[in-house]
Amino acid sequence: MGGNVYELQKLNGSMASRVTAFHSNEQWKSHFQAFKDTNKLSVVYFTATWCGACRFIEPAFKEFSAEYKDAEFIKIDVDELESVAWGLEVGTLPTFLLVKKGKVVERVVGVRKDELQKMIVKHRA
């Protein structure tokens, strides 16, 4: 079945997104600790089901995840993981944090597709 899904996506002109959704604090902490010592870029997308602007930008986030395979893309629902959002000082949605070696290297707030893409390109190397 996986091949059929891939073929359908190719026909539609899109590739599968590589977005990982985190649903527990433990999952986030474990992942964050594991990536602290790597130079790989993590793009963390803070969203909520009720956020209209988030629904608007999400297709672009998924596109970027398919395009920039050398970075990882994480989605966090602030209603599920409120403590993670507060701990990283996320007060507006959508917010994108670009993280390398355990440090936030860039913050993009709002529906700013071009700015987000520019920051991904800048920090992925």
N, C-alpha and C. Protein backbone atom coordinates (compact mmCIF):
# COMPACT_ATOMS: atom_id res chain seq x y z
N MET A 1 0.82 -1.20 0.00
CA MET A 1 0.00 0.00 0.00
C MET A 1 0.86 1.26 0.00
N GLY A 2 2.01 1.23 0.70
CA GLY A 2 2.87 2.40 0.77
C GLY A 2 3.27 2.91 -0.60
N GLY A 3 3.57 1.99 -1.54
CA GLY A 3 3.94 2.39 -2.88
C GLY A 3 2.80 3.11 -3.58
N ASN A 4 1.57 2.63 -3.37
CA ASN A 4 0.42 3.27 -3.99
C ASN A 4 0.22 4.69 -3.48
N VAL A 5 0.43 4.88 -2.19
CA VAL A 5 0.30 6.22 -1.62
C VAL A 5 1.34 7.14 -2.24
N TYR A 6 2.58 6.64 -2.35
CA TYR A 6 3.65 7.43 -2.95
C TYR A 6 3.30 7.81 -4.38
N GLU A 7 2.82 6.84 -5.15
CA GLU A 7 2.45 7.11 -6.54
C GLU A 7 1.35 8.15 -6.62
N LEU A 8 0.36 8.05 -5.74
CA LEU A 8 -0.73 9.02 -5.73
C LEU A 8 -0.19 10.42 -5.42
N GLN A 9 0.73 10.50 -4.46
CA GLN A 9 1.30 11.79 -4.11
C GLN A 9 2.11 12.35 -5.27
N LYS A 10 2.83 11.48 -5.98
CA LYS A 10 3.58 11.94 -7.15
C LYS A 10 2.64 12.49 -8.21
N LEU A 11 1.51 11.80 -8.41
CA LEU A 11 0.54 12.26 -9.40
C LEU A 11 -0.04 13.62 -9.01
N ASN A 12 -0.22 13.83 -7.73
CA ASN A 12 -0.75 15.10 -7.25
C ASN A 12 0.31 16.19 -7.21
N GLY A 13 1.55 15.83 -7.52
CA GLY A 13 2.62 16.82 -7.56
C GLY A 13 3.17 17.18 -6.20
N SER A 14 2.95 16.33 -5.21
CA SER A 14 3.49 16.61 -3.89
C SER A 14 4.17 15.38 -3.32
N MET A 15 5.05 15.61 -2.39
CA MET A 15 5.70 14.51 -1.69
C MET A 15 5.15 14.46 -0.27
N ALA A 16 5.29 13.31 0.35
CA ALA A 16 4.79 13.15 1.71
C ALA A 16 5.55 14.07 2.66
N SER A 17 4.83 14.64 3.60
CA SER A 17 5.50 15.48 4.59
C SER A 17 6.26 14.58 5.56
N ARG A 18 7.25 15.14 6.20
CA ARG A 18 8.05 14.43 7.18
C ARG A 18 7.90 15.12 8.53
N VAL A 19 6.69 15.43 8.90
CA VAL A 19 6.41 16.13 10.15
C VAL A 19 6.11 15.11 11.24
N THR A 20 6.80 15.25 12.38
CA THR A 20 6.56 14.39 13.53
C THR A 20 5.80 15.19 14.57
N ALA A 21 4.64 14.68 14.97
CA ALA A 21 3.85 15.34 16.02
C ALA A 21 4.21 14.73 17.37
N PHE A 22 4.48 15.57 18.34
CA PHE A 22 4.76 15.11 19.70
C PHE A 22 3.51 15.30 20.54
N HIS A 23 3.21 14.27 21.36
CA HIS A 23 1.98 14.30 22.14
C HIS A 23 2.21 14.17 23.65
N SER A 24 3.48 14.09 24.07
CA SER A 24 3.74 14.00 25.50
C SER A 24 5.01 14.77 25.85
N ASN A 25 5.06 15.27 27.06
CA ASN A 25 6.24 15.98 27.55
C ASN A 25 7.46 15.07 27.53
N GLU A 26 7.26 13.80 27.89
CA GLU A 26 8.35 12.84 27.93
C GLU A 26 8.94 12.64 26.54
N GLN A 27 8.07 12.53 25.54
CA GLN A 27 8.52 12.36 24.16
C GLN A 27 9.35 13.57 23.73
N TRP A 28 8.88 14.76 24.03
CA TRP A 28 9.60 15.98 23.68
C TRP A 28 10.95 16.04 24.38
N LYS A 29 10.97 15.81 25.70
CA LYS A 29 12.21 15.90 26.47
C LYS A 29 13.24 14.90 25.98
N SER A 30 12.81 13.68 25.72
CA SER A 30 13.70 12.63 25.24
C SER A 30 14.31 13.02 23.89
N HIS A 31 13.48 13.50 23.01
CA HIS A 31 13.95 13.90 21.68
C HIS A 31 14.89 15.10 21.78
N PHE A 32 14.52 16.08 22.57
CA PHE A 32 15.33 17.28 22.73
C PHE A 32 16.72 16.93 23.27
N GLN A 33 16.78 16.06 24.27
CA GLN A 33 18.06 15.63 24.84
C GLN A 33 18.91 14.91 23.80
N ALA A 34 18.27 14.05 23.00
CA ALA A 34 19.00 13.27 22.00
C ALA A 34 19.61 14.16 20.92
N PHE A 35 18.97 15.28 20.63
CA PHE A 35 19.44 16.15 19.55
C PHE A 35 20.31 17.31 20.04
N LYS A 36 20.54 17.40 21.35
CA LYS A 36 21.34 18.51 21.89
C LYS A 36 22.76 18.54 21.33
N ASP A 37 23.32 17.39 21.05
CA ASP A 37 24.71 17.32 20.61
C ASP A 37 24.88 17.20 19.10
N THR A 38 23.80 17.34 18.36
CA THR A 38 23.91 17.24 16.90
C THR A 38 23.78 18.63 16.28
N ASN A 39 24.27 18.75 15.09
CA ASN A 39 24.20 20.02 14.37
C ASN A 39 22.99 20.06 13.44
N LYS A 40 22.13 19.04 13.52
CA LYS A 40 20.96 18.96 12.65
C LYS A 40 19.93 20.01 13.08
N LEU A 41 19.36 20.67 12.10
CA LEU A 41 18.34 21.69 12.36
C LEU A 41 17.00 21.03 12.66
N SER A 42 16.36 21.47 13.73
CA SER A 42 14.99 21.08 14.05
C SER A 42 14.11 22.31 13.90
N VAL A 43 13.03 22.17 13.14
CA VAL A 43 12.06 23.25 12.97
C VAL A 43 10.82 22.84 13.75
N VAL A 44 10.55 23.55 14.83
CA VAL A 44 9.45 23.19 15.74
C VAL A 44 8.30 24.16 15.51
N TYR A 45 7.16 23.59 15.15
CA TYR A 45 5.95 24.35 14.78
C TYR A 45 4.96 24.25 15.93
N PHE A 46 4.65 25.37 16.57
CA PHE A 46 3.66 25.42 17.64
C PHE A 46 2.33 25.86 17.05
N THR A 47 1.30 25.06 17.30
CA THR A 47 0.01 25.24 16.66
C THR A 47 -1.10 24.89 17.64
N ALA A 48 -2.34 25.03 17.20
CA ALA A 48 -3.52 24.58 17.95
C ALA A 48 -4.63 24.31 16.93
N THR A 49 -5.52 23.40 17.27
CA THR A 49 -6.60 23.04 16.34
C THR A 49 -7.51 24.22 16.06
N TRP A 50 -7.65 25.13 17.02
CA TRP A 50 -8.56 26.27 16.87
C TRP A 50 -7.92 27.47 16.17
N CYS A 51 -6.65 27.37 15.81
CA CYS A 51 -5.90 28.50 15.25
C CYS A 51 -6.05 28.54 13.72
N GLY A 52 -6.80 29.52 13.24
CA GLY A 52 -7.02 29.66 11.80
C GLY A 52 -5.74 29.96 11.03
N ALA A 53 -4.90 30.82 11.57
CA ALA A 53 -3.64 31.16 10.91
C ALA A 53 -2.73 29.93 10.81
N CYS A 54 -2.81 29.06 11.82
CA CYS A 54 -2.01 27.82 11.81
C CYS A 54 -2.46 26.91 10.67
N ARG A 55 -3.76 26.79 10.49
CA ARG A 55 -4.29 25.96 9.39
C ARG A 55 -3.86 26.53 8.04
N PHE A 56 -3.74 27.83 7.96
CA PHE A 56 -3.34 28.48 6.72
C PHE A 56 -1.88 28.19 6.36
N ILE A 57 -0.98 28.20 7.35
CA ILE A 57 0.45 28.03 7.10
C ILE A 57 0.88 26.56 7.08
N GLU A 58 0.07 25.67 7.63
CA GLU A 58 0.48 24.27 7.76
C GLU A 58 0.87 23.61 6.43
N PRO A 59 0.15 23.84 5.33
CA PRO A 59 0.58 23.22 4.07
C PRO A 59 2.01 23.62 3.67
N ALA A 60 2.39 24.86 3.91
CA ALA A 60 3.75 25.31 3.60
C ALA A 60 4.76 24.59 4.49
N PHE A 61 4.43 24.43 5.77
CA PHE A 61 5.32 23.72 6.70
C PHE A 61 5.53 22.28 6.21
N LYS A 62 4.46 21.63 5.79
CA LYS A 62 4.58 20.27 5.27
C LYS A 62 5.41 20.23 3.99
N GLU A 63 5.22 21.21 3.12
CA GLU A 63 6.04 21.30 1.90
C GLU A 63 7.52 21.44 2.25
N PHE A 64 7.83 22.29 3.20
CA PHE A 64 9.23 22.48 3.60
C PHE A 64 9.80 21.18 4.15
N SER A 65 8.99 20.43 4.89
CA SER A 65 9.48 19.17 5.46
C SER A 65 9.84 18.18 4.36
N ALA A 66 9.10 18.19 3.28
CA ALA A 66 9.40 17.30 2.15
C ALA A 66 10.61 17.80 1.36
N GLU A 67 10.77 19.11 1.28
CA GLU A 67 11.85 19.70 0.48
C GLU A 67 13.20 19.66 1.18
N TYR A 68 13.22 19.96 2.48
CA TYR A 68 14.48 20.07 3.21
C TYR A 68 14.68 18.83 4.07
N LYS A 69 15.16 17.78 3.44
CA LYS A 69 15.28 16.48 4.10
C LYS A 69 16.43 16.43 5.12
N ASP A 70 17.32 17.41 5.09
CA ASP A 70 18.43 17.43 6.03
C ASP A 70 18.05 18.11 7.35
N ALA A 71 16.82 18.54 7.47
CA ALA A 71 16.31 19.11 8.72
C ALA A 71 15.16 18.24 9.21
N GLU A 72 14.83 18.38 10.48
CA GLU A 72 13.67 17.64 10.98
C GLU A 72 12.58 18.64 11.33
N PHE A 73 11.34 18.19 11.19
CA PHE A 73 10.18 19.06 11.36
C PHE A 73 9.27 18.46 12.41
N ILE A 74 8.99 19.26 13.43
CA ILE A 74 8.22 18.81 14.60
C ILE A 74 7.01 19.70 14.77
N LYS A 75 5.90 19.08 15.10
CA LYS A 75 4.65 19.81 15.33
C LYS A 75 4.22 19.59 16.78
N ILE A 76 3.93 20.68 17.46
CA ILE A 76 3.48 20.61 18.85
C ILE A 76 2.19 21.40 19.00
N ASP A 77 1.15 20.73 19.47
CA ASP A 77 -0.12 21.39 19.76
C ASP A 77 -0.02 21.99 21.16
N VAL A 78 -0.17 23.30 21.26
CA VAL A 78 0.01 23.97 22.55
C VAL A 78 -1.03 23.56 23.58
N ASP A 79 -2.18 23.08 23.13
CA ASP A 79 -3.19 22.61 24.08
C ASP A 79 -2.80 21.27 24.69
N GLU A 80 -2.05 20.47 23.95
CA GLU A 80 -1.57 19.18 24.46
C GLU A 80 -0.31 19.36 25.31
N LEU A 81 0.59 20.20 24.86
CA LEU A 81 1.89 20.37 25.52
C LEU A 81 2.10 21.83 25.92
N GLU A 82 1.19 22.31 26.73
CA GLU A 82 1.22 23.71 27.16
C GLU A 82 2.52 24.05 27.88
N SER A 83 3.02 23.13 28.71
CA SER A 83 4.24 23.42 29.46
C SER A 83 5.46 23.57 28.55
N VAL A 84 5.49 22.84 27.45
CA VAL A 84 6.58 22.97 26.48
C VAL A 84 6.51 24.35 25.83
N ALA A 85 5.31 24.75 25.43
CA ALA A 85 5.13 26.06 24.80
C ALA A 85 5.53 27.19 25.76
N TRP A 86 5.07 27.11 27.00
CA TRP A 86 5.41 28.16 27.97
C TRP A 86 6.90 28.16 28.27
N GLY A 87 7.48 26.96 28.38
CA GLY A 87 8.92 26.85 28.67
C GLY A 87 9.79 27.48 27.59
N LEU A 88 9.29 27.48 26.36
CA LEU A 88 10.03 28.07 25.25
C LEU A 88 9.50 29.46 24.88
N GLU A 89 8.68 30.01 25.77
CA GLU A 89 8.15 31.38 25.63
C GLU A 89 7.37 31.59 24.34
N VAL A 90 6.53 30.60 24.02
CA VAL A 90 5.65 30.71 22.85
C VAL A 90 4.34 31.33 23.33
N GLY A 91 4.06 32.54 22.89
CA GLY A 91 2.86 33.24 23.32
C GLY A 91 1.90 33.58 22.20
N THR A 92 2.34 33.40 20.97
CA THR A 92 1.54 33.71 19.79
C THR A 92 1.59 32.53 18.84
N LEU A 93 0.48 32.28 18.15
CA LEU A 93 0.43 31.19 17.18
C LEU A 93 0.17 31.72 15.79
N PRO A 94 0.72 31.08 14.80
CA PRO A 94 1.73 30.03 14.89
C PRO A 94 3.11 30.61 15.23
N THR A 95 3.91 29.80 15.90
CA THR A 95 5.31 30.15 16.17
C THR A 95 6.17 28.99 15.69
N PHE A 96 7.27 29.33 15.04
CA PHE A 96 8.24 28.35 14.57
C PHE A 96 9.56 28.64 15.25
N LEU A 97 10.11 27.63 15.91
CA LEU A 97 11.43 27.76 16.52
C LEU A 97 12.40 26.91 15.72
N LEU A 98 13.52 27.48 15.35
CA LEU A 98 14.57 26.74 14.68
C LEU A 98 15.63 26.47 15.73
N VAL A 99 15.90 25.18 15.96
CA VAL A 99 16.75 24.75 17.06
C VAL A 99 17.94 23.96 16.52
N LYS A 100 19.12 24.30 17.03
CA LYS A 100 20.35 23.57 16.72
C LYS A 100 21.14 23.41 18.01
N LYS A 101 21.67 22.21 18.23
CA LYS A 101 22.47 21.93 19.41
C LYS A 101 21.78 22.35 20.70
N GLY A 102 20.47 22.17 20.75
CA GLY A 102 19.72 22.48 21.96
C GLY A 102 19.43 23.95 22.18
N LYS A 103 19.76 24.79 21.22
CA LYS A 103 19.55 26.24 21.36
C LYS A 103 18.62 26.74 20.26
N VAL A 104 17.74 27.66 20.64
CA VAL A 104 16.89 28.31 19.65
C VAL A 104 17.76 29.31 18.90
N VAL A 105 17.92 29.08 17.58
CA VAL A 105 18.75 29.97 16.77
C VAL A 105 17.92 30.99 16.00
N GLU A 106 16.63 30.73 15.89
CA GLU A 106 15.74 31.65 15.18
C GLU A 106 14.32 31.42 15.63
N ARG A 107 13.52 32.47 15.59
CA ARG A 107 12.10 32.41 15.96
C ARG A 107 11.33 33.16 14.88
N VAL A 108 10.34 32.48 14.28
CA VAL A 108 9.48 33.10 13.28
C VAL A 108 8.06 33.03 13.82
N VAL A 109 7.42 34.18 13.99
CA VAL A 109 6.09 34.25 14.58
C VAL A 109 5.11 34.73 13.52
N GLY A 110 4.00 34.00 13.39
CA GLY A 110 2.95 34.40 12.46
C GLY A 110 3.04 33.68 11.13
N VAL A 111 2.16 34.06 10.23
CA VAL A 111 2.09 33.46 8.90
C VAL A 111 3.09 34.19 8.02
N ARG A 112 4.33 33.71 8.07
CA ARG A 112 5.42 34.35 7.33
C ARG A 112 6.19 33.27 6.58
N LYS A 113 5.55 32.72 5.57
CA LYS A 113 6.10 31.60 4.81
C LYS A 113 7.48 31.91 4.24
N ASP A 114 7.64 33.04 3.59
CA ASP A 114 8.92 33.37 2.97
C ASP A 114 10.03 33.53 4.00
N GLU A 115 9.71 34.16 5.12
CA GLU A 115 10.69 34.34 6.20
C GLU A 115 11.07 32.99 6.79
N LEU A 116 10.10 32.12 7.00
CA LEU A 116 10.38 30.79 7.54
C LEU A 116 11.30 30.03 6.60
N GLN A 117 11.00 30.04 5.32
CA GLN A 117 11.83 29.32 4.36
C GLN A 117 13.25 29.90 4.34
N LYS A 118 13.36 31.20 4.38
CA LYS A 118 14.67 31.86 4.40
C LYS A 118 15.49 31.43 5.62
N MET A 119 14.86 31.33 6.78
CA MET A 119 15.56 30.94 8.00
C MET A 119 15.94 29.46 7.97
N ILE A 120 15.09 28.62 7.38
CA ILE A 120 15.43 27.20 7.24
C ILE A 120 16.67 27.06 6.37
N VAL A 121 16.68 27.73 5.24
CA VAL A 121 17.83 27.67 4.33
C VAL A 121 19.09 28.18 5.02
N LYS A 122 18.96 29.26 5.76
CA LYS A 122 20.11 29.86 6.45
C LYS A 122 20.72 28.91 7.48
N HIS A 123 19.89 28.20 8.24
CA HIS A 123 20.39 27.43 9.38
C HIS A 123 20.56 25.94 9.12
N ARG A 124 20.15 25.45 7.98
CA ARG A 124 20.21 24.00 7.78
C ARG A 124 21.62 23.50 7.49
N ALA A 125 22.51 24.36 7.06
CA ALA A 125 23.88 23.92 6.72
C ALA A 125 24.71 23.68 7.96
